[in-house]
Amino acid sequence: MDKGLETIVEKGLKFLNNGDYEKALIDLDKSIKLDSSDWRAVSFRNKYISLFKGNGCC
């Protein structure tokens, strides 16, 4: 994984773990746009959607 992409994914995960879901979504979307084949970014974004968007959050 590209170092810049890795940094964006890590940042998104920190936001996700801290409950800042809107910022997490922004960074995870950004990482997918940079490399849509990166399974981590897609997986964490899908997890975000299922856990938080599905519960009426954000």
N, C-alpha and C. Protein backbone atom coordinates (compact mmCIF):
# COMPACT_ATOMS: atom_id res chain seq x y z
N MET A 1 0.84 -1.17 0.00
CA MET A 1 0.00 0.00 0.00
C MET A 1 0.89 1.24 0.00
N ASP A 2 0.51 2.21 -0.78
CA ASP A 2 1.19 3.49 -0.84
C ASP A 2 1.18 4.15 0.54
N LYS A 3 2.30 4.74 0.91
CA LYS A 3 2.44 5.35 2.25
C LYS A 3 1.40 6.45 2.48
N GLY A 4 1.13 7.27 1.47
CA GLY A 4 0.12 8.32 1.61
C GLY A 4 -1.27 7.74 1.82
N LEU A 5 -1.57 6.70 1.07
CA LEU A 5 -2.85 6.02 1.22
C LEU A 5 -2.97 5.38 2.59
N GLU A 6 -1.89 4.78 3.04
CA GLU A 6 -1.89 4.15 4.36
C GLU A 6 -2.16 5.17 5.45
N THR A 7 -1.58 6.35 5.32
CA THR A 7 -1.79 7.41 6.30
C THR A 7 -3.25 7.84 6.34
N ILE A 8 -3.87 7.97 5.18
CA ILE A 8 -5.28 8.36 5.12
C ILE A 8 -6.17 7.31 5.76
N VAL A 9 -5.91 6.04 5.47
CA VAL A 9 -6.69 4.95 6.07
C VAL A 9 -6.52 4.95 7.59
N GLU A 10 -5.30 5.09 8.06
CA GLU A 10 -5.05 5.12 9.51
C GLU A 10 -5.77 6.29 10.17
N LYS A 11 -5.74 7.43 9.52
CA LYS A 11 -6.41 8.61 10.05
C LYS A 11 -7.92 8.37 10.12
N GLY A 12 -8.47 7.78 9.07
CA GLY A 12 -9.89 7.46 9.06
C GLY A 12 -10.28 6.49 10.16
N LEU A 13 -9.43 5.51 10.41
CA LEU A 13 -9.70 4.54 11.48
C LEU A 13 -9.64 5.19 12.86
N LYS A 14 -8.73 6.14 13.04
CA LYS A 14 -8.67 6.85 14.31
C LYS A 14 -9.95 7.63 14.55
N PHE A 15 -10.43 8.31 13.51
CA PHE A 15 -11.69 9.03 13.62
C PHE A 15 -12.83 8.07 13.94
N LEU A 16 -12.85 6.94 13.27
CA LEU A 16 -13.89 5.93 13.48
C LEU A 16 -13.88 5.44 14.93
N ASN A 17 -12.70 5.11 15.43
CA ASN A 17 -12.57 4.62 16.80
C ASN A 17 -12.91 5.67 17.85
N ASN A 18 -12.73 6.95 17.49
CA ASN A 18 -13.03 8.04 18.42
C ASN A 18 -14.47 8.52 18.31
N GLY A 19 -15.24 7.89 17.44
CA GLY A 19 -16.65 8.26 17.30
C GLY A 19 -16.90 9.45 16.40
N ASP A 20 -15.90 9.91 15.69
CA ASP A 20 -16.07 11.04 14.77
C ASP A 20 -16.35 10.46 13.38
N TYR A 21 -17.59 10.00 13.21
CA TYR A 21 -17.95 9.21 12.04
C TYR A 21 -17.95 9.99 10.74
N GLU A 22 -18.31 11.25 10.80
CA GLU A 22 -18.32 12.05 9.57
C GLU A 22 -16.90 12.24 9.02
N LYS A 23 -15.95 12.52 9.90
CA LYS A 23 -14.55 12.67 9.47
C LYS A 23 -13.99 11.33 9.00
N ALA A 24 -14.39 10.25 9.67
CA ALA A 24 -13.95 8.92 9.25
C ALA A 24 -14.42 8.63 7.83
N LEU A 25 -15.66 8.93 7.56
CA LEU A 25 -16.21 8.68 6.23
C LEU A 25 -15.48 9.48 5.17
N ILE A 26 -15.15 10.72 5.47
CA ILE A 26 -14.42 11.57 4.51
C ILE A 26 -13.08 10.94 4.15
N ASP A 27 -12.32 10.54 5.17
CA ASP A 27 -10.99 9.97 4.91
C ASP A 27 -11.08 8.60 4.23
N LEU A 28 -12.03 7.78 4.64
CA LEU A 28 -12.14 6.46 4.01
C LEU A 28 -12.62 6.58 2.57
N ASP A 29 -13.51 7.54 2.30
CA ASP A 29 -13.91 7.79 0.90
C ASP A 29 -12.71 8.26 0.08
N LYS A 30 -11.91 9.15 0.68
CA LYS A 30 -10.73 9.68 0.01
C LYS A 30 -9.76 8.54 -0.33
N SER A 31 -9.59 7.61 0.59
CA SER A 31 -8.66 6.50 0.35
C SER A 31 -9.17 5.58 -0.75
N ILE A 32 -10.46 5.39 -0.84
CA ILE A 32 -11.03 4.55 -1.90
C ILE A 32 -10.85 5.21 -3.26
N LYS A 33 -10.99 6.53 -3.29
CA LYS A 33 -10.78 7.24 -4.56
C LYS A 33 -9.34 7.13 -5.02
N LEU A 34 -8.40 7.09 -4.08
CA LEU A 34 -6.99 6.95 -4.43
C LEU A 34 -6.66 5.54 -4.92
N ASP A 35 -7.29 4.54 -4.31
CA ASP A 35 -7.01 3.15 -4.70
C ASP A 35 -8.22 2.29 -4.34
N SER A 36 -9.10 2.13 -5.30
CA SER A 36 -10.34 1.39 -5.04
C SER A 36 -10.11 -0.10 -4.84
N SER A 37 -8.90 -0.56 -5.12
CA SER A 37 -8.61 -1.98 -4.94
C SER A 37 -8.09 -2.29 -3.53
N ASP A 38 -7.86 -1.26 -2.73
CA ASP A 38 -7.35 -1.49 -1.38
C ASP A 38 -8.46 -2.05 -0.50
N TRP A 39 -8.34 -3.29 -0.11
CA TRP A 39 -9.40 -3.98 0.62
C TRP A 39 -9.65 -3.37 1.99
N ARG A 40 -8.62 -2.80 2.63
CA ARG A 40 -8.82 -2.24 3.97
C ARG A 40 -9.74 -1.02 3.95
N ALA A 41 -9.47 -0.11 3.03
CA ALA A 41 -10.30 1.09 2.96
C ALA A 41 -11.75 0.72 2.67
N VAL A 42 -11.95 -0.16 1.70
CA VAL A 42 -13.31 -0.56 1.33
C VAL A 42 -13.99 -1.29 2.50
N SER A 43 -13.25 -2.18 3.13
CA SER A 43 -13.81 -2.96 4.24
C SER A 43 -14.21 -2.07 5.41
N PHE A 44 -13.35 -1.16 5.81
CA PHE A 44 -13.66 -0.29 6.93
C PHE A 44 -14.79 0.67 6.60
N ARG A 45 -14.84 1.13 5.35
CA ARG A 45 -15.93 2.01 4.96
C ARG A 45 -17.26 1.25 4.99
N ASN A 46 -17.27 0.04 4.49
CA ASN A 46 -18.49 -0.77 4.53
C ASN A 46 -18.92 -1.06 5.97
N LYS A 47 -17.95 -1.30 6.82
CA LYS A 47 -18.24 -1.53 8.23
C LYS A 47 -18.85 -0.28 8.85
N TYR A 48 -18.28 0.86 8.51
CA TYR A 48 -18.82 2.14 8.98
C TYR A 48 -20.28 2.28 8.58
N ILE A 49 -20.54 2.05 7.31
CA ILE A 49 -21.91 2.20 6.81
C ILE A 49 -22.86 1.26 7.53
N SER A 50 -22.48 0.01 7.66
CA SER A 50 -23.38 -0.96 8.29
C SER A 50 -23.59 -0.67 9.77
N LEU A 51 -22.57 -0.24 10.48
CA LEU A 51 -22.70 0.00 11.92
C LEU A 51 -23.35 1.32 12.26
N PHE A 52 -22.99 2.36 11.57
CA PHE A 52 -23.41 3.68 12.00
C PHE A 52 -24.48 4.31 11.11
N LYS A 53 -24.33 4.24 9.83
CA LYS A 53 -25.36 4.77 8.94
C LYS A 53 -26.64 3.98 9.08
N GLY A 54 -26.51 2.68 9.21
CA GLY A 54 -27.68 1.81 9.35
C GLY A 54 -28.46 2.05 10.62
N ASN A 55 -27.82 2.64 11.60
CA ASN A 55 -28.48 2.95 12.87
C ASN A 55 -28.99 4.38 12.93
N GLY A 56 -29.02 5.05 11.80
CA GLY A 56 -29.54 6.41 11.76
C GLY A 56 -28.53 7.48 12.14
N CYS A 57 -27.29 7.08 12.28
CA CYS A 57 -26.24 8.04 12.62
C CYS A 57 -25.82 8.82 11.39
N CYS A 58 -25.54 10.06 11.54
CA CYS A 58 -24.92 10.95 10.53
C CYS A 58 -25.84 11.19 9.37
